[in-house]
């Protein structure tokens, strides 16, 4: 027998369907003019047309509560605007064009963040310049992964936050994007020194929701023109 679906029946069916999780709302609690990263959160600042060491304080962040079933969070901060040709960085007599080839670079990573944590105070995972970065260890706000400097610098573990430091000769304004993930597991299986690639592989099939926020930063005055 053919069943006729009335408008009332359709409404009842739709109301009974599970609601899919919306994206997390991620917020930088401080920003500069035009949604820029504050200088105190950068690892280098402008100085005489080049650069000087910055305060390198991890930014204050907050995010909305994950959907039902969330057992942990993870956080990744990346810069998708790093020049692919690293030989051009901070080179006298060289200008890096806005349309030069780019790659993504990881500045900060935390996994296994407890569900009770939906805010990180400024400086919570990095405050000041530290040779080799912070230890790769569990903290009260999550387990530290390696930032991108570990791939080509061998003087430390490079855990914790490493702030913005775009080349002083780059004409592109860099974007700094924080993505927070809500996961259905309290503990991802990760190697001792895990990278962003390791995290994404371990998190596959466990992500219930995610959200991102972005600020920009440059130390090249010519990039603002």
C-alpha atoms as a PDB file:
ATOM      1  CA  UNK A   1       0.000   0.000   0.000  1.00  0.00           C
ATOM      2  CA  UNK A   2       1.304   3.407  -0.946  1.00  0.00           C
ATOM      3  CA  UNK A   3       1.714   5.757   2.033  1.00  0.00           C
ATOM      4  CA  UNK A   4       0.907   9.449   1.695  1.00  0.00           C
ATOM      5  CA  UNK A   5       3.192  11.772   3.663  1.00  0.00           C
ATOM      6  CA  UNK A   6       1.306  14.798   4.910  1.00  0.00           C
ATOM      7  CA  UNK A   7       2.908  18.061   6.006  1.00  0.00           C
ATOM      8  CA  UNK A   8       2.191  17.147   9.642  1.00  0.00           C
ATOM      9  CA  UNK A   9       3.885  13.757   9.252  1.00  0.00           C
ATOM     10  CA  UNK A  10       6.930  15.371   7.617  1.00  0.00           C
ATOM     11  CA  UNK A  11       7.305  17.860  10.488  1.00  0.00           C
ATOM     12  CA  UNK A  12       7.132  15.025  13.031  1.00  0.00           C
ATOM     13  CA  UNK A  13       9.795  13.049  11.125  1.00  0.00           C
ATOM     14  CA  UNK A  14      12.119  16.054  10.885  1.00  0.00           C
ATOM     15  CA  UNK A  15      11.699  16.836  14.580  1.00  0.00           C
ATOM     16  CA  UNK A  16      12.669  13.254  15.443  1.00  0.00           C
ATOM     17  CA  UNK A  17      15.875  13.357  13.383  1.00  0.00           C
ATOM     18  CA  UNK A  18      19.163  13.971  15.264  1.00  0.00           C
ATOM     19  CA  UNK A  19      20.552  17.476  14.906  1.00  0.00           C
ATOM     20  CA  UNK A  20      24.045  17.539  13.444  1.00  0.00           C
ATOM     21  CA  UNK A  21      26.716  19.332  15.499  1.00  0.00           C
ATOM     22  CA  UNK A  22      27.457  22.869  14.454  1.00  0.00           C
ATOM     23  CA  UNK A  23      30.995  24.147  14.205  1.00  0.00           C
ATOM     24  CA  UNK A  24      32.760  25.306  17.336  1.00  0.00           C
ATOM     25  CA  UNK A  25      33.027  29.046  17.864  1.00  0.00           C
ATOM     26  CA  UNK A  26      36.694  29.926  18.398  1.00  0.00           C
ATOM     27  CA  UNK A  27      37.677  33.377  19.673  1.00  0.00           C
ATOM     28  CA  UNK A  28      40.933  35.272  20.008  1.00  0.00           C
ATOM     29  CA  UNK A  29      40.187  37.252  23.165  1.00  0.00           C
ATOM     30  CA  UNK A  30      42.590  40.046  22.159  1.00  0.00           C
ATOM     31  CA  UNK A  31      43.366  41.475  18.748  1.00  0.00           C
ATOM     32  CA  UNK A  32      44.895  44.592  17.311  1.00  0.00           C
ATOM     33  CA  UNK A  33      43.518  47.065  14.795  1.00  0.00           C
ATOM     34  CA  UNK A  34      41.994  45.360  11.782  1.00  0.00           C
ATOM     35  CA  UNK A  35      41.989  41.933  13.437  1.00  0.00           C
ATOM     36  CA  UNK A  36      45.756  41.700  13.703  1.00  0.00           C
ATOM     37  CA  UNK A  37      47.758  39.532  16.081  1.00  0.00           C
ATOM     38  CA  UNK A  38      48.978  41.655  19.016  1.00  0.00           C
ATOM     39  CA  UNK A  39      52.746  42.192  19.037  1.00  0.00           C
ATOM     40  CA  UNK A  40      53.098  40.540  22.467  1.00  0.00           C
ATOM     41  CA  UNK A  41      51.887  37.275  20.907  1.00  0.00           C
ATOM     42  CA  UNK A  42      54.567  37.344  18.186  1.00  0.00           C
ATOM     43  CA  UNK A  43      58.032  35.836  18.403  1.00  0.00           C
ATOM     44  CA  UNK A  44      59.502  38.699  16.377  1.00  0.00           C
ATOM     45  CA  UNK A  45      58.646  42.362  15.931  1.00  0.00           C
ATOM     46  CA  UNK A  46      59.674  45.040  13.447  1.00  0.00           C
ATOM     47  CA  UNK A  47      62.959  46.792  14.195  1.00  0.00           C
ATOM     48  CA  UNK A  48      64.693  49.168  11.797  1.00  0.00           C
ATOM     49  CA  UNK A  49      63.243  47.520   8.708  1.00  0.00           C
ATOM     50  CA  UNK A  50      64.209  44.046   9.902  1.00  0.00           C
ATOM     51  CA  UNK A  51      63.291  42.143  13.082  1.00  0.00           C
ATOM     52  CA  UNK A  52      63.899  41.820  16.793  1.00  0.00           C
ATOM     53  CA  UNK A  53      62.829  39.227  19.351  1.00  0.00           C
ATOM     54  CA  UNK A  54      59.232  39.504  20.556  1.00  0.00           C
ATOM     55  CA  UNK A  55      57.525  38.462  23.794  1.00  0.00           C
ATOM     56  CA  UNK A  56      56.230  35.220  22.269  1.00  0.00           C
ATOM     57  CA  UNK A  57      53.229  34.893  24.609  1.00  0.00           C
ATOM     58  CA  UNK A  58      50.625  32.341  23.592  1.00  0.00           C
ATOM     59  CA  UNK A  59      47.345  34.170  22.880  1.00  0.00           C
ATOM     60  CA  UNK A  60      44.249  34.103  25.066  1.00  0.00           C
ATOM     61  CA  UNK A  61      41.724  31.823  23.368  1.00  0.00           C
ATOM     62  CA  UNK A  62      38.295  30.449  24.085  1.00  0.00           C
ATOM     63  CA  UNK A  63      35.899  28.157  22.267  1.00  0.00           C
ATOM     64  CA  UNK A  64      32.328  26.950  22.587  1.00  0.00           C
ATOM     65  CA  UNK A  65      31.473  23.634  24.196  1.00  0.00           C
ATOM     66  CA  UNK A  66      31.570  20.622  21.905  1.00  0.00           C
ATOM     67  CA  UNK A  67      28.531  18.493  21.041  1.00  0.00           C
ATOM     68  CA  UNK A  68      27.283  15.509  23.022  1.00  0.00           C
ATOM     69  CA  UNK A  69      29.906  12.778  23.097  1.00  0.00           C
ATOM     70  CA  UNK A  70      32.869  15.165  23.230  1.00  0.00           C
ATOM     71  CA  UNK A  71      35.597  13.653  25.412  1.00  0.00           C
ATOM     72  CA  UNK A  72      38.525  15.944  24.578  1.00  0.00           C
ATOM     73  CA  UNK A  73      39.625  18.872  22.435  1.00  0.00           C
ATOM     74  CA  UNK A  74      42.700  19.552  20.325  1.00  0.00           C
ATOM     75  CA  UNK A  75      44.163  22.804  19.068  1.00  0.00           C
ATOM     76  CA  UNK A  76      46.397  23.615  16.097  1.00  0.00           C
ATOM     77  CA  UNK A  77      47.745  27.025  15.036  1.00  0.00           C
ATOM     78  CA  UNK A  78      49.124  27.348  11.521  1.00  0.00           C
ATOM     79  CA  UNK A  79      50.435  29.952   9.107  1.00  0.00           C
ATOM     80  CA  UNK A  80      49.444  29.008   5.515  1.00  0.00           C
ATOM     81  CA  UNK A  81      51.533  31.821   4.008  1.00  0.00           C
ATOM     82  CA  UNK A  82      55.137  30.724   4.605  1.00  0.00           C
ATOM     83  CA  UNK A  83      57.240  31.018   1.425  1.00  0.00           C
ATOM     84  CA  UNK A  84      58.010  27.596   0.023  1.00  0.00           C
ATOM     85  CA  UNK A  85      61.551  28.685  -0.914  1.00  0.00           C
ATOM     86  CA  UNK A  86      63.134  29.098   2.521  1.00  0.00           C
ATOM     87  CA  UNK A  87      66.337  30.472   1.003  1.00  0.00           C
ATOM     88  CA  UNK A  88      64.483  33.762   0.356  1.00  0.00           C
ATOM     89  CA  UNK A  89      63.637  34.415   4.005  1.00  0.00           C
ATOM     90  CA  UNK A  90      65.123  37.567   5.536  1.00  0.00           C
ATOM     91  CA  UNK A  91      67.676  37.910   2.732  1.00  0.00           C
ATOM     92  CA  UNK A  92      69.171  41.328   2.067  1.00  0.00           C
ATOM     93  CA  UNK A  93      68.420  42.637  -1.415  1.00  0.00           C
ATOM     94  CA  UNK A  94      65.578  40.164  -1.908  1.00  0.00           C
ATOM     95  CA  UNK A  95      61.828  40.837  -1.883  1.00  0.00           C
ATOM     96  CA  UNK A  96      59.372  37.954  -1.555  1.00  0.00           C
ATOM     97  CA  UNK A  97      56.452  38.641  -3.903  1.00  0.00           C
ATOM     98  CA  UNK A  98      52.862  38.347  -2.700  1.00  0.00           C
ATOM     99  CA  UNK A  99      52.200  35.611  -5.252  1.00  0.00           C
ATOM    100  CA  UNK A 100      55.289  33.531  -4.410  1.00  0.00           C
ATOM    101  CA  UNK A 101      54.603  29.834  -3.779  1.00  0.00           C
ATOM    102  CA  UNK A 102      53.521  29.166  -0.181  1.00  0.00           C
ATOM    103  CA  UNK A 103      53.273  26.301   2.307  1.00  0.00           C
ATOM    104  CA  UNK A 104      51.610  25.728   5.676  1.00  0.00           C
ATOM    105  CA  UNK A 105      53.637  25.941   8.893  1.00  0.00           C
ATOM    106  CA  UNK A 106      52.611  24.756  12.371  1.00  0.00           C
ATOM    107  CA  UNK A 107      53.125  27.226  15.238  1.00  0.00           C
ATOM    108  CA  UNK A 108      51.334  25.467  18.086  1.00  0.00           C
ATOM    109  CA  UNK A 109      49.655  22.170  18.851  1.00  0.00           C
ATOM    110  CA  UNK A 110      47.873  20.664  21.843  1.00  0.00           C
ATOM    111  CA  UNK A 111      46.032  17.333  21.947  1.00  0.00           C
ATOM    112  CA  UNK A 112      44.017  15.537  24.638  1.00  0.00           C
ATOM    113  CA  UNK A 113      42.721  18.822  26.066  1.00  0.00           C
ATOM    114  CA  UNK A 114      40.272  17.970  28.898  1.00  0.00           C
ATOM    115  CA  UNK A 115      36.619  18.788  28.257  1.00  0.00           C
ATOM    116  CA  UNK A 116      36.643  21.094  31.295  1.00  0.00           C
ATOM    117  CA  UNK A 117      39.076  23.362  29.416  1.00  0.00           C
ATOM    118  CA  UNK A 118      37.425  25.693  26.885  1.00  0.00           C
ATOM    119  CA  UNK A 119      39.697  28.681  27.498  1.00  0.00           C
ATOM    120  CA  UNK A 120      43.445  29.260  27.575  1.00  0.00           C
ATOM    121  CA  UNK A 121      44.770  32.379  29.289  1.00  0.00           C
ATOM    122  CA  UNK A 122      47.418  34.473  27.584  1.00  0.00           C
ATOM    123  CA  UNK A 123      50.835  32.920  28.155  1.00  0.00           C
ATOM    124  CA  UNK A 124      49.382  29.570  29.252  1.00  0.00           C
ATOM    125  CA  UNK A 125      51.526  27.545  26.828  1.00  0.00           C
ATOM    126  CA  UNK A 126      54.455  29.840  26.112  1.00  0.00           C
ATOM    127  CA  UNK A 127      55.699  33.129  27.504  1.00  0.00           C
ATOM    128  CA  UNK A 128      59.034  34.422  26.258  1.00  0.00           C
ATOM    129  CA  UNK A 129      61.763  33.103  23.999  1.00  0.00           C
ATOM    130  CA  UNK A 130      63.015  29.679  25.046  1.00  0.00           C
ATOM    131  CA  UNK A 131      65.822  27.929  23.197  1.00  0.00           C
ATOM    132  CA  UNK A 132      64.461  24.737  21.686  1.00  0.00           C
ATOM    133  CA  UNK A 133      60.870  25.388  22.744  1.00  0.00           C
ATOM    134  CA  UNK A 134      58.995  23.775  25.626  1.00  0.00           C
ATOM    135  CA  UNK A 135      59.118  20.099  26.694  1.00  0.00           C
ATOM    136  CA  UNK A 136      56.878  17.629  24.889  1.00  0.00           C
ATOM    137  CA  UNK A 137      54.805  16.658  27.894  1.00  0.00           C
ATOM    138  CA  UNK A 138      51.313  16.469  29.323  1.00  0.00           C
ATOM    139  CA  UNK A 139      50.076  19.666  30.945  1.00  0.00           C
ATOM    140  CA  UNK A 140      46.826  20.542  32.698  1.00  0.00           C
ATOM    141  CA  UNK A 141      45.620  22.049  29.422  1.00  0.00           C
ATOM    142  CA  UNK A 142      46.667  19.220  27.087  1.00  0.00           C
ATOM    143  CA  UNK A 143      49.567  17.314  25.589  1.00  0.00           C
ATOM    144  CA  UNK A 144      52.092  19.334  23.613  1.00  0.00           C
ATOM    145  CA  UNK A 145      52.965  18.448  20.055  1.00  0.00           C
ATOM    146  CA  UNK A 146      55.933  19.660  18.038  1.00  0.00           C
ATOM    147  CA  UNK A 147      55.714  22.966  16.218  1.00  0.00           C
ATOM    148  CA  UNK A 148      57.221  23.355  12.752  1.00  0.00           C
ATOM    149  CA  UNK A 149      60.661  24.434  13.899  1.00  0.00           C
ATOM    150  CA  UNK A 150      61.447  20.855  14.940  1.00  0.00           C
ATOM    151  CA  UNK A 151      61.597  19.872  11.267  1.00  0.00           C
ATOM    152  CA  UNK A 152      64.751  21.854  10.535  1.00  0.00           C
ATOM    153  CA  UNK A 153      66.225  22.957  13.878  1.00  0.00           C
ATOM    154  CA  UNK A 154      67.811  20.259  16.016  1.00  0.00           C
ATOM    155  CA  UNK A 155      68.473  22.183  19.247  1.00  0.00           C
ATOM    156  CA  UNK A 156      65.380  21.125  21.169  1.00  0.00           C
ATOM    157  CA  UNK A 157      61.988  19.417  21.177  1.00  0.00           C
ATOM    158  CA  UNK A 158      60.086  22.528  20.017  1.00  0.00           C
ATOM    159  CA  UNK A 159      56.927  21.875  21.961  1.00  0.00           C
ATOM    160  CA  UNK A 160      54.508  24.606  22.982  1.00  0.00           C
ATOM    161  CA  UNK A 161      53.729  27.896  21.350  1.00  0.00           C
ATOM    162  CA  UNK A 162      56.038  29.573  18.842  1.00  0.00           C
ATOM    163  CA  UNK A 163      54.537  32.873  17.790  1.00  0.00           C
ATOM    164  CA  UNK A 164      54.356  34.712  14.495  1.00  0.00           C
ATOM    165  CA  UNK A 165      57.616  35.671  12.828  1.00  0.00           C
ATOM    166  CA  UNK A 166      56.974  36.344   9.136  1.00  0.00           C
ATOM    167  CA  UNK A 167      59.993  37.320   7.003  1.00  0.00           C
ATOM    168  CA  UNK A 168      60.776  41.029   7.120  1.00  0.00           C
ATOM    169  CA  UNK A 169      61.183  41.001   3.317  1.00  0.00           C
ATOM    170  CA  UNK A 170      57.798  39.377   2.544  1.00  0.00           C
ATOM    171  CA  UNK A 171      55.150  41.460   0.763  1.00  0.00           C
ATOM    172  CA  UNK A 172      52.336  39.129   1.813  1.00  0.00           C
ATOM    173  CA  UNK A 173      50.536  39.706   5.107  1.00  0.00           C
ATOM    174  CA  UNK A 174      50.519  36.372   6.919  1.00  0.00           C
ATOM    175  CA  UNK A 175      47.429  34.728   8.417  1.00  0.00           C
ATOM    176  CA  UNK A 176      47.552  32.926  11.767  1.00  0.00           C
ATOM    177  CA  UNK A 177      44.745  30.419  12.055  1.00  0.00           C
ATOM    178  CA  UNK A 178      43.764  28.520  15.207  1.00  0.00           C
ATOM    179  CA  UNK A 179      41.590  25.446  14.679  1.00  0.00           C
ATOM    180  CA  UNK A 180      39.965  23.674  17.633  1.00  0.00           C
ATOM    181  CA  UNK A 181      38.616  20.129  17.301  1.00  0.00           C
ATOM    182  CA  UNK A 182      36.045  18.354  19.493  1.00  0.00           C
ATOM    183  CA  UNK A 183      36.893  14.645  19.647  1.00  0.00           C
ATOM    184  CA  UNK A 184      34.964  11.547  20.727  1.00  0.00           C
ATOM    185  CA  UNK A 185      37.989  10.113  22.546  1.00  0.00           C
ATOM    186  CA  UNK A 186      39.754  11.350  25.650  1.00  0.00           C
ATOM    187  CA  UNK A 187      43.163  10.188  24.496  1.00  0.00           C
ATOM    188  CA  UNK A 188      44.517   9.958  20.968  1.00  0.00           C
ATOM    189  CA  UNK A 189      47.214   7.375  20.278  1.00  0.00           C
ATOM    190  CA  UNK A 190      50.154   9.583  19.338  1.00  0.00           C
ATOM    191  CA  UNK A 191      53.946   9.155  19.196  1.00  0.00           C
ATOM    192  CA  UNK A 192      56.050  10.829  21.889  1.00  0.00           C
ATOM    193  CA  UNK A 193      57.036  13.663  19.546  1.00  0.00           C
ATOM    194  CA  UNK A 194      53.937  14.075  17.412  1.00  0.00           C
ATOM    195  CA  UNK A 195      53.533  16.423  14.476  1.00  0.00           C
ATOM    196  CA  UNK A 196      50.426  17.922  12.932  1.00  0.00           C
ATOM    197  CA  UNK A 197      50.422  15.095  10.373  1.00  0.00           C
ATOM    198  CA  UNK A 198      50.519  12.544  13.215  1.00  0.00           C
ATOM    199  CA  UNK A 199      47.627  14.312  14.938  1.00  0.00           C
ATOM    200  CA  UNK A 200      45.443  14.450  11.818  1.00  0.00           C
ATOM    201  CA  UNK A 201      46.041  10.759  11.143  1.00  0.00           C
ATOM    202  CA  UNK A 202      45.194   9.774  14.750  1.00  0.00           C
ATOM    203  CA  UNK A 203      42.124  12.062  14.840  1.00  0.00           C
ATOM    204  CA  UNK A 204      40.605  10.652  11.646  1.00  0.00           C
ATOM    205  CA  UNK A 205      37.153   9.303  12.442  1.00  0.00           C
ATOM    206  CA  UNK A 206      37.112  10.919  15.898  1.00  0.00           C
ATOM    207  CA  UNK A 207      36.293  14.555  15.032  1.00  0.00           C
ATOM    208  CA  UNK A 208      32.760  15.536  16.089  1.00  0.00           C
ATOM    209  CA  UNK A 209      33.047  19.250  15.345  1.00  0.00           C
ATOM    210  CA  UNK A 210      35.652  21.915  14.671  1.00  0.00           C
ATOM    211  CA  UNK A 211      35.981  25.657  14.341  1.00  0.00           C
ATOM    212  CA  UNK A 212      38.634  28.224  13.528  1.00  0.00           C
ATOM    213  CA  UNK A 213      39.594  31.848  14.068  1.00  0.00           C
ATOM    214  CA  UNK A 214      42.220  33.887  12.277  1.00  0.00           C
ATOM    215  CA  UNK A 215      44.336  37.022  12.787  1.00  0.00           C
ATOM    216  CA  UNK A 216      46.956  38.565  10.513  1.00  0.00           C
ATOM    217  CA  UNK A 217      50.472  39.835  11.181  1.00  0.00           C
ATOM    218  CA  UNK A 218      53.414  41.347   9.332  1.00  0.00           C
ATOM    219  CA  UNK A 219      56.640  43.130  10.245  1.00  0.00           C
ATOM    220  CA  UNK A 220      57.115  44.521   6.733  1.00  0.00           C
ATOM    221  CA  UNK A 221      55.638  48.022   6.437  1.00  0.00           C
ATOM    222  CA  UNK A 222      55.621  47.665   2.640  1.00  0.00           C
ATOM    223  CA  UNK A 223      53.153  44.758   2.904  1.00  0.00           C
ATOM    224  CA  UNK A 224      50.572  47.175   4.312  1.00  0.00           C
ATOM    225  CA  UNK A 225      50.650  49.467   1.258  1.00  0.00           C
END
